[in-house]
Amino acid sequence: MLAFITIRFLDILDIVLVAILLYQVYRLIKGTVAFNIVIGMFSLYLLWLVVGALNMELLESIMGSFIGVGVLALIVVFHPEIRKFLVFIGTNYNVNRVLSLDKLFGAGKSKTINHQQIDILVDACISMGKSKTGALIVIAGNSELTDQIITGEKLNAKISSTLIRTIFFKNSPLHDGAAIIKGNKISAAGCILPLTQKELDKALGLRHRAAVGITEITDAICIIVSEERGYISLAKNGEIKRRLSKETLTKLLGENIQNPK
């Protein structure tokens, strides 16, 4: 007699956790070259199983060796995606807050942007939008953005509309890079950001790709002012909202800076 199949609660939990894991991996690699590589490797793995079932020993041995080495190759190929996934876990599931690591190591932040500084930032962006001055402003969250800050010129300056507009003035040597706001000060300008590998609207330029890229791997938010049309956009968690009004930008900044999720 066949024994009845028993399903435990842990079995259901196991399936749910694997499903969540696969979904998050899909979110990270969709629209990138990595997605096509995964499909190719999965197809190759299925072919290997078929070859094994048909007892084609020589071909099975060759493909088995290739797949064995392929695990190490995948780590190299998917290095950016693996890093993004680990950052995603640490950021979106608030591991830092749950474990109170900031308090443990004394690295808690005591200062952040206030409403007055948000208004200054918004006014500067609106002004640059009217003059079609391209700008890229990153506002750090829990991520320190140390790797990005060291690529630019350190300022550690008070947030000022005049300073922001000067940084992104077309003849300024810093206008092509990003300005990074950390705490309640402009930490650095002329910084280099990683570009996203996702497929974006072709109308979006390098500033938008950089904004999506930095928000994919950190919890920062990013303001972009288009040099061609003067439109203002905001990027967060790898997603971008475009053509924002002054009121909408102020609201979004207030929500994400004062009450970060």
C-alpha atoms as a PDB file:
ATOM      1  CA  MET A   1       0.000   0.000   0.000  1.00  0.00           C
ATOM      2  CA  LEU A   2       1.126   3.504  -0.763  1.00  0.00           C
ATOM      3  CA  ALA A   3       1.746   5.651   2.256  1.00  0.00           C
ATOM      4  CA  PHE A   4      -0.140   8.904   2.396  1.00  0.00           C
ATOM      5  CA  ILE A   5       1.905  11.982   1.607  1.00  0.00           C
ATOM      6  CA  THR A   6       2.186  14.170   4.680  1.00  0.00           C
ATOM      7  CA  ILE A   7       2.752  17.897   4.325  1.00  0.00           C
ATOM      8  CA  ARG A   8       4.098  19.727   7.334  1.00  0.00           C
ATOM      9  CA  PHE A   9       3.842  23.441   8.048  1.00  0.00           C
ATOM     10  CA  LEU A  10       7.599  23.701   7.541  1.00  0.00           C
ATOM     11  CA  ASP A  11       7.225  22.211   4.054  1.00  0.00           C
ATOM     12  CA  ILE A  12       4.745  24.949   3.122  1.00  0.00           C
ATOM     13  CA  LEU A  13       7.013  27.592   4.666  1.00  0.00           C
ATOM     14  CA  ASP A  14       9.939  26.163   2.707  1.00  0.00           C
ATOM     15  CA  ILE A  15       8.028  26.478  -0.588  1.00  0.00           C
ATOM     16  CA  VAL A  16       6.899  30.028   0.214  1.00  0.00           C
ATOM     17  CA  LEU A  17      10.436  31.151   1.111  1.00  0.00           C
ATOM     18  CA  VAL A  18      11.883  29.652  -2.080  1.00  0.00           C
ATOM     19  CA  ALA A  19       9.140  31.361  -4.109  1.00  0.00           C
ATOM     20  CA  ILE A  20       9.924  34.719  -2.483  1.00  0.00           C
ATOM     21  CA  LEU A  21      13.641  34.207  -3.093  1.00  0.00           C
ATOM     22  CA  LEU A  22      13.116  33.371  -6.774  1.00  0.00           C
ATOM     23  CA  TYR A  23      10.797  36.371  -7.197  1.00  0.00           C
ATOM     24  CA  GLN A  24      13.341  38.766  -5.709  1.00  0.00           C
ATOM     25  CA  VAL A  25      16.079  37.336  -7.923  1.00  0.00           C
ATOM     26  CA  TYR A  26      13.778  37.824 -10.914  1.00  0.00           C
ATOM     27  CA  ARG A  27      13.159  41.453  -9.919  1.00  0.00           C
ATOM     28  CA  LEU A  28      16.878  42.120  -9.787  1.00  0.00           C
ATOM     29  CA  ILE A  29      17.774  40.611 -13.156  1.00  0.00           C
ATOM     30  CA  LYS A  30      14.698  41.334 -15.286  1.00  0.00           C
ATOM     31  CA  GLY A  31      15.472  43.591 -18.211  1.00  0.00           C
ATOM     32  CA  THR A  32      19.220  42.930 -17.950  1.00  0.00           C
ATOM     33  CA  VAL A  33      21.679  40.759 -19.838  1.00  0.00           C
ATOM     34  CA  ALA A  34      21.854  38.562 -16.735  1.00  0.00           C
ATOM     35  CA  PHE A  35      18.273  37.417 -17.330  1.00  0.00           C
ATOM     36  CA  ASN A  36      19.183  35.970 -20.723  1.00  0.00           C
ATOM     37  CA  ILE A  37      22.202  34.238 -19.188  1.00  0.00           C
ATOM     38  CA  VAL A  38      19.992  32.615 -16.537  1.00  0.00           C
ATOM     39  CA  ILE A  39      17.576  31.365 -19.213  1.00  0.00           C
ATOM     40  CA  GLY A  40      20.511  29.962 -21.186  1.00  0.00           C
ATOM     41  CA  MET A  41      21.986  28.178 -18.154  1.00  0.00           C
ATOM     42  CA  PHE A  42      18.602  26.757 -17.169  1.00  0.00           C
ATOM     43  CA  SER A  43      18.082  25.433 -20.707  1.00  0.00           C
ATOM     44  CA  LEU A  44      21.529  23.869 -20.616  1.00  0.00           C
ATOM     45  CA  TYR A  45      20.743  22.229 -17.276  1.00  0.00           C
ATOM     46  CA  LEU A  46      17.495  20.735 -18.639  1.00  0.00           C
ATOM     47  CA  LEU A  47      19.414  19.396 -21.650  1.00  0.00           C
ATOM     48  CA  TRP A  48      21.944  17.809 -19.286  1.00  0.00           C
ATOM     49  CA  LEU A  49      19.109  16.031 -17.446  1.00  0.00           C
ATOM     50  CA  VAL A  50      17.702  14.738 -20.740  1.00  0.00           C
ATOM     51  CA  VAL A  51      21.136  13.507 -21.837  1.00  0.00           C
ATOM     52  CA  GLY A  52      21.526  11.710 -18.505  1.00  0.00           C
ATOM     53  CA  ALA A  53      18.115  10.088 -18.827  1.00  0.00           C
ATOM     54  CA  LEU A  54      19.090   8.797 -22.291  1.00  0.00           C
ATOM     55  CA  ASN A  55      22.340   7.318 -20.871  1.00  0.00           C
ATOM     56  CA  MET A  56      24.545   9.283 -23.269  1.00  0.00           C
ATOM     57  CA  GLU A  57      27.544   8.929 -20.967  1.00  0.00           C
ATOM     58  CA  LEU A  58      30.211  10.847 -22.912  1.00  0.00           C
ATOM     59  CA  LEU A  59      28.037  13.897 -23.563  1.00  0.00           C
ATOM     60  CA  GLU A  60      26.683  13.739 -20.018  1.00  0.00           C
ATOM     61  CA  SER A  61      30.225  13.730 -18.613  1.00  0.00           C
ATOM     62  CA  ILE A  62      31.289  16.736 -20.722  1.00  0.00           C
ATOM     63  CA  MET A  63      28.195  18.752 -19.866  1.00  0.00           C
ATOM     64  CA  GLY A  64      28.453  17.774 -16.189  1.00  0.00           C
ATOM     65  CA  SER A  65      32.012  19.108 -16.021  1.00  0.00           C
ATOM     66  CA  PHE A  66      30.951  22.319 -17.742  1.00  0.00           C
ATOM     67  CA  ILE A  67      28.036  22.857 -15.358  1.00  0.00           C
ATOM     68  CA  GLY A  68      30.293  22.152 -12.358  1.00  0.00           C
ATOM     69  CA  VAL A  69      32.736  24.863 -13.432  1.00  0.00           C
ATOM     70  CA  GLY A  70      29.783  27.046 -14.441  1.00  0.00           C
ATOM     71  CA  VAL A  71      28.860  27.615 -10.790  1.00  0.00           C
ATOM     72  CA  LEU A  72      32.107  29.522 -10.248  1.00  0.00           C
ATOM     73  CA  ALA A  73      31.629  31.335 -13.542  1.00  0.00           C
ATOM     74  CA  LEU A  74      28.159  32.425 -12.459  1.00  0.00           C
ATOM     75  CA  ILE A  75      29.575  34.029  -9.307  1.00  0.00           C
ATOM     76  CA  VAL A  76      31.894  36.126 -11.467  1.00  0.00           C
ATOM     77  CA  VAL A  77      29.262  36.954 -14.095  1.00  0.00           C
ATOM     78  CA  PHE A  78      26.573  37.810 -11.563  1.00  0.00           C
ATOM     79  CA  HIS A  79      28.792  39.735  -9.163  1.00  0.00           C
ATOM     80  CA  PRO A  80      26.802  43.000  -9.570  1.00  0.00           C
ATOM     81  CA  GLU A  81      23.472  41.197  -9.186  1.00  0.00           C
ATOM     82  CA  ILE A  82      24.668  39.277  -6.109  1.00  0.00           C
ATOM     83  CA  ARG A  83      25.802  42.539  -4.536  1.00  0.00           C
ATOM     84  CA  LYS A  84      22.473  44.200  -5.367  1.00  0.00           C
ATOM     85  CA  PHE A  85      20.600  41.251  -3.854  1.00  0.00           C
ATOM     86  CA  LEU A  86      22.551  41.408  -0.583  1.00  0.00           C
ATOM     87  CA  VAL A  87      22.055  45.181  -0.398  1.00  0.00           C
ATOM     88  CA  PHE A  88      18.350  44.652  -1.122  1.00  0.00           C
ATOM     89  CA  ILE A  89      18.046  42.218   1.797  1.00  0.00           C
ATOM     90  CA  GLY A  90      19.915  44.501   4.187  1.00  0.00           C
ATOM     91  CA  THR A  91      17.986  47.601   3.131  1.00  0.00           C
ATOM     92  CA  ASN A  92      14.417  46.504   2.439  1.00  0.00           C
ATOM     93  CA  TYR A  93      14.113  44.107   5.330  1.00  0.00           C
ATOM     94  CA  ASN A  94      15.678  46.567   7.800  1.00  0.00           C
ATOM     95  CA  VAL A  95      18.294  44.103   9.063  1.00  0.00           C
ATOM     96  CA  ASN A  96      20.333  47.015  10.358  1.00  0.00           C
ATOM     97  CA  ARG A  97      17.429  48.329  12.398  1.00  0.00           C
ATOM     98  CA  VAL A  98      16.340  44.911  13.691  1.00  0.00           C
ATOM     99  CA  LEU A  99      19.816  44.062  14.917  1.00  0.00           C
ATOM    100  CA  SER A 100      20.431  47.670  16.084  1.00  0.00           C
ATOM    101  CA  LEU A 101      23.861  47.631  14.446  1.00  0.00           C
ATOM    102  CA  ASP A 102      24.038  51.438  14.293  1.00  0.00           C
ATOM    103  CA  LYS A 103      23.539  51.674  18.024  1.00  0.00           C
ATOM    104  CA  LEU A 104      25.909  48.791  18.689  1.00  0.00           C
ATOM    105  CA  PHE A 105      28.769  50.452  16.792  1.00  0.00           C
ATOM    106  CA  GLY A 106      27.797  54.007  17.637  1.00  0.00           C
ATOM    107  CA  ALA A 107      27.103  54.950  14.036  1.00  0.00           C
ATOM    108  CA  GLY A 108      23.548  56.190  14.404  1.00  0.00           C
ATOM    109  CA  LYS A 109      22.671  59.332  12.488  1.00  0.00           C
ATOM    110  CA  SER A 110      21.655  62.321  14.557  1.00  0.00           C
ATOM    111  CA  LYS A 111      21.053  64.792  11.751  1.00  0.00           C
ATOM    112  CA  THR A 112      18.901  64.756   8.676  1.00  0.00           C
ATOM    113  CA  ILE A 113      17.438  67.245   6.244  1.00  0.00           C
ATOM    114  CA  ASN A 114      14.693  69.403   7.736  1.00  0.00           C
ATOM    115  CA  HIS A 115      11.680  70.918   6.007  1.00  0.00           C
ATOM    116  CA  GLN A 116      13.432  74.224   5.401  1.00  0.00           C
ATOM    117  CA  GLN A 117      16.325  72.483   3.633  1.00  0.00           C
ATOM    118  CA  ILE A 118      13.860  70.450   1.557  1.00  0.00           C
ATOM    119  CA  ASP A 119      12.271  73.707   0.402  1.00  0.00           C
ATOM    120  CA  ILE A 120      15.739  75.077  -0.493  1.00  0.00           C
ATOM    121  CA  LEU A 121      16.503  71.911  -2.460  1.00  0.00           C
ATOM    122  CA  VAL A 122      13.176  72.001  -4.306  1.00  0.00           C
ATOM    123  CA  ASP A 123      13.546  75.707  -5.168  1.00  0.00           C
ATOM    124  CA  ALA A 124      17.022  75.036  -6.589  1.00  0.00           C
ATOM    125  CA  CYS A 125      15.693  72.174  -8.729  1.00  0.00           C
ATOM    126  CA  ILE A 126      12.765  74.248 -10.006  1.00  0.00           C
ATOM    127  CA  SER A 127      15.152  77.078 -10.900  1.00  0.00           C
ATOM    128  CA  MET A 128      17.491  74.704 -12.744  1.00  0.00           C
ATOM    129  CA  GLY A 129      14.523  73.137 -14.510  1.00  0.00           C
ATOM    130  CA  LYS A 130      13.403  76.520 -15.841  1.00  0.00           C
ATOM    131  CA  SER A 131      16.906  77.271 -17.156  1.00  0.00           C
ATOM    132  CA  LYS A 132      17.301  73.665 -18.416  1.00  0.00           C
ATOM    133  CA  THR A 133      20.368  73.108 -16.294  1.00  0.00           C
ATOM    134  CA  GLY A 134      21.032  69.379 -15.912  1.00  0.00           C
ATOM    135  CA  ALA A 135      21.465  68.168 -12.343  1.00  0.00           C
ATOM    136  CA  LEU A 136      21.849  64.936 -10.401  1.00  0.00           C
ATOM    137  CA  ILE A 137      21.417  65.089  -6.623  1.00  0.00           C
ATOM    138  CA  VAL A 138      21.703  62.028  -4.383  1.00  0.00           C
ATOM    139  CA  ILE A 139      20.286  62.085  -0.869  1.00  0.00           C
ATOM    140  CA  ALA A 140      21.832  59.352   1.259  1.00  0.00           C
ATOM    141  CA  GLY A 141      19.756  57.166   3.543  1.00  0.00           C
ATOM    142  CA  ASN A 142      21.333  54.545   5.796  1.00  0.00           C
ATOM    143  CA  SER A 143      23.933  53.772   3.123  1.00  0.00           C
ATOM    144  CA  GLU A 144      27.102  55.785   3.636  1.00  0.00           C
ATOM    145  CA  LEU A 145      27.849  56.105  -0.125  1.00  0.00           C
ATOM    146  CA  THR A 146      31.571  56.166   0.694  1.00  0.00           C
ATOM    147  CA  ASP A 147      32.551  54.537  -2.613  1.00  0.00           C
ATOM    148  CA  GLN A 148      30.734  57.253  -4.541  1.00  0.00           C
ATOM    149  CA  ILE A 149      31.844  60.204  -2.386  1.00  0.00           C
ATOM    150  CA  ILE A 150      35.548  59.472  -2.875  1.00  0.00           C
ATOM    151  CA  THR A 151      35.123  59.789  -6.651  1.00  0.00           C
ATOM    152  CA  GLY A 152      34.192  63.475  -6.356  1.00  0.00           C
ATOM    153  CA  GLU A 153      35.302  66.653  -4.603  1.00  0.00           C
ATOM    154  CA  LYS A 154      34.502  66.756  -0.902  1.00  0.00           C
ATOM    155  CA  LEU A 155      32.601  69.875   0.158  1.00  0.00           C
ATOM    156  CA  ASN A 156      30.902  69.226   3.512  1.00  0.00           C
ATOM    157  CA  ALA A 157      28.955  72.426   2.886  1.00  0.00           C
ATOM    158  CA  LYS A 158      25.637  73.775   4.105  1.00  0.00           C
ATOM    159  CA  ILE A 159      22.695  73.109   1.789  1.00  0.00           C
ATOM    160  CA  SER A 160      22.226  76.265  -0.233  1.00  0.00           C
ATOM    161  CA  SER A 161      20.229  76.997  -3.373  1.00  0.00           C
ATOM    162  CA  THR A 162      23.042  79.194  -4.686  1.00  0.00           C
ATOM    163  CA  LEU A 163      25.672  76.506  -4.092  1.00  0.00           C
ATOM    164  CA  ILE A 164      23.578  73.795  -5.748  1.00  0.00           C
ATOM    165  CA  ARG A 165      22.942  75.948  -8.816  1.00  0.00           C
ATOM    166  CA  THR A 166      26.642  76.863  -8.950  1.00  0.00           C
ATOM    167  CA  ILE A 167      27.701  73.200  -8.828  1.00  0.00           C
ATOM    168  CA  PHE A 168      25.535  72.347 -11.831  1.00  0.00           C
ATOM    169  CA  PHE A 169      26.217  75.525 -13.810  1.00  0.00           C
ATOM    170  CA  LYS A 170      27.207  74.438 -17.324  1.00  0.00           C
ATOM    171  CA  ASN A 171      30.720  75.886 -17.099  1.00  0.00           C
ATOM    172  CA  SER A 172      31.392  74.367 -13.666  1.00  0.00           C
ATOM    173  CA  PRO A 173      33.945  71.516 -13.633  1.00  0.00           C
ATOM    174  CA  LEU A 174      31.621  69.583 -11.303  1.00  0.00           C
ATOM    175  CA  HIS A 175      28.390  69.851 -13.300  1.00  0.00           C
ATOM    176  CA  ASP A 176      28.702  66.472 -15.055  1.00  0.00           C
ATOM    177  CA  GLY A 177      28.844  64.460 -11.835  1.00  0.00           C
ATOM    178  CA  ALA A 178      26.413  63.967  -8.957  1.00  0.00           C
ATOM    179  CA  ALA A 179      26.126  66.005  -5.781  1.00  0.00           C
ATOM    180  CA  ILE A 180      25.687  63.836  -2.701  1.00  0.00           C
ATOM    181  CA  ILE A 181      23.796  65.088   0.343  1.00  0.00           C
ATOM    182  CA  LYS A 182      24.623  63.172   3.485  1.00  0.00           C
ATOM    183  CA  GLY A 183      23.149  64.051   6.834  1.00  0.00           C
ATOM    184  CA  ASN A 184      22.178  67.700   6.489  1.00  0.00           C
ATOM    185  CA  LYS A 185      25.095  68.847   4.307  1.00  0.00           C
ATOM    186  CA  ILE A 186      26.316  68.597   0.735  1.00  0.00           C
ATOM    187  CA  SER A 187      29.049  66.029   1.285  1.00  0.00           C
ATOM    188  CA  ALA A 188      30.608  66.002  -2.203  1.00  0.00           C
ATOM    189  CA  ALA A 189      30.054  67.012  -5.821  1.00  0.00           C
ATOM    190  CA  GLY A 190      31.243  65.743  -9.195  1.00  0.00           C
ATOM    191  CA  CYS A 191      30.741  62.154  -8.008  1.00  0.00           C
ATOM    192  CA  ILE A 192      30.559  59.151 -10.331  1.00  0.00           C
ATOM    193  CA  LEU A 193      27.595  56.801  -9.943  1.00  0.00           C
ATOM    194  CA  PRO A 194      27.060  53.270 -11.281  1.00  0.00           C
ATOM    195  CA  LEU A 195      24.759  52.992 -14.291  1.00  0.00           C
ATOM    196  CA  THR A 196      21.779  50.649 -14.272  1.00  0.00           C
ATOM    197  CA  GLN A 197      21.711  47.744 -16.698  1.00  0.00           C
ATOM    198  CA  LYS A 198      17.922  47.794 -16.897  1.00  0.00           C
ATOM    199  CA  GLU A 199      16.152  48.756 -20.084  1.00  0.00           C
ATOM    200  CA  LEU A 200      14.848  52.303 -19.686  1.00  0.00           C
ATOM    201  CA  ASP A 201      12.948  54.675 -21.927  1.00  0.00           C
ATOM    202  CA  LYS A 202      15.326  55.762 -24.694  1.00  0.00           C
ATOM    203  CA  ALA A 203      14.418  59.366 -23.944  1.00  0.00           C
ATOM    204  CA  LEU A 204      16.251  59.050 -20.603  1.00  0.00           C
ATOM    205  CA  GLY A 205      19.931  59.947 -20.574  1.00  0.00           C
ATOM    206  CA  LEU A 206      22.953  59.043 -18.477  1.00  0.00           C
ATOM    207  CA  ARG A 207      21.822  61.085 -15.489  1.00  0.00           C
ATOM    208  CA  HIS A 208      18.632  59.059 -15.259  1.00  0.00           C
ATOM    209  CA  ARG A 209      20.509  55.768 -15.725  1.00  0.00           C
ATOM    210  CA  ALA A 210      22.921  56.766 -12.957  1.00  0.00           C
ATOM    211  CA  ALA A 211      20.038  57.734 -10.675  1.00  0.00           C
ATOM    212  CA  VAL A 212      18.336  54.369 -11.180  1.00  0.00           C
ATOM    213  CA  GLY A 213      21.686  52.603 -10.782  1.00  0.00           C
ATOM    214  CA  ILE A 214      22.567  54.125  -7.398  1.00  0.00           C
ATOM    215  CA  THR A 215      19.060  53.592  -6.016  1.00  0.00           C
ATOM    216  CA  GLU A 216      19.132  49.941  -7.086  1.00  0.00           C
ATOM    217  CA  ILE A 217      22.096  49.142  -4.856  1.00  0.00           C
ATOM    218  CA  THR A 218      21.495  51.582  -1.967  1.00  0.00           C
ATOM    219  CA  ASP A 219      18.564  53.086  -0.077  1.00  0.00           C
ATOM    220  CA  ALA A 220      19.378  56.574  -1.351  1.00  0.00           C
ATOM    221  CA  ILE A 221      16.914  58.675  -3.303  1.00  0.00           C
ATOM    222  CA  CYS A 222      17.945  60.731  -6.299  1.00  0.00           C
ATOM    223  CA  ILE A 223      16.644  63.919  -7.942  1.00  0.00           C
ATOM    224  CA  ILE A 224      17.285  64.418 -11.654  1.00  0.00           C
ATOM    225  CA  VAL A 225      16.823  67.627 -13.624  1.00  0.00           C
ATOM    226  CA  SER A 226      16.743  67.047 -17.378  1.00  0.00           C
ATOM    227  CA  GLU A 227      19.103  69.219 -19.395  1.00  0.00           C
ATOM    228  CA  GLU A 228      17.043  68.848 -22.585  1.00  0.00           C
ATOM    229  CA  ARG A 229      13.525  69.541 -21.331  1.00  0.00           C
ATOM    230  CA  GLY A 230      13.980  70.784 -17.783  1.00  0.00           C
ATOM    231  CA  TYR A 231      11.759  68.028 -16.365  1.00  0.00           C
ATOM    232  CA  ILE A 232      12.334  66.966 -12.775  1.00  0.00           C
ATOM    233  CA  SER A 233      12.347  63.272 -11.817  1.00  0.00           C
ATOM    234  CA  LEU A 234      12.916  61.292  -8.628  1.00  0.00           C
ATOM    235  CA  ALA A 235      14.404  57.792  -8.379  1.00  0.00           C
ATOM    236  CA  LYS A 236      14.011  55.367  -5.489  1.00  0.00           C
ATOM    237  CA  ASN A 237      14.538  51.599  -5.224  1.00  0.00           C
ATOM    238  CA  GLY A 238      15.512  51.433  -8.890  1.00  0.00           C
ATOM    239  CA  GLU A 239      12.217  53.009 -10.009  1.00  0.00           C
ATOM    240  CA  ILE A 240      11.825  56.509 -11.421  1.00  0.00           C
ATOM    241  CA  LYS A 241       8.975  59.028 -11.290  1.00  0.00           C
ATOM    242  CA  ARG A 242       9.101  61.648 -14.020  1.00  0.00           C
ATOM    243  CA  ARG A 243       7.826  65.152 -14.733  1.00  0.00           C
ATOM    244  CA  LEU A 244       7.226  66.094 -11.111  1.00  0.00           C
ATOM    245  CA  SER A 245       5.681  69.389 -10.102  1.00  0.00           C
ATOM    246  CA  LYS A 246       7.079  71.509  -7.285  1.00  0.00           C
ATOM    247  CA  GLU A 247       4.344  70.330  -4.929  1.00  0.00           C
ATOM    248  CA  THR A 248       4.795  66.642  -5.788  1.00  0.00           C
ATOM    249  CA  LEU A 249       8.577  66.818  -5.416  1.00  0.00           C
ATOM    250  CA  THR A 250       8.239  68.519  -2.028  1.00  0.00           C
ATOM    251  CA  LYS A 251       5.754  65.881  -0.885  1.00  0.00           C
ATOM    252  CA  LEU A 252       7.887  62.948  -2.051  1.00  0.00           C
ATOM    253  CA  LEU A 253      11.030  64.338  -0.431  1.00  0.00           C
ATOM    254  CA  GLY A 254       9.181  64.950   2.814  1.00  0.00           C
ATOM    255  CA  GLU A 255       7.801  61.412   2.856  1.00  0.00           C
ATOM    256  CA  ASN A 256      11.053  59.670   1.953  1.00  0.00           C
ATOM    257  CA  ILE A 257      13.475  61.758   4.000  1.00  0.00           C
ATOM    258  CA  GLN A 258      11.426  62.427   7.131  1.00  0.00           C
ATOM    259  CA  ASN A 259       9.786  58.976   7.113  1.00  0.00           C
ATOM    260  CA  PRO A 260      12.085  56.650   5.156  1.00  0.00           C
ATOM    261  CA  LYS A 261      10.777  53.137   4.487  1.00  0.00           C
END
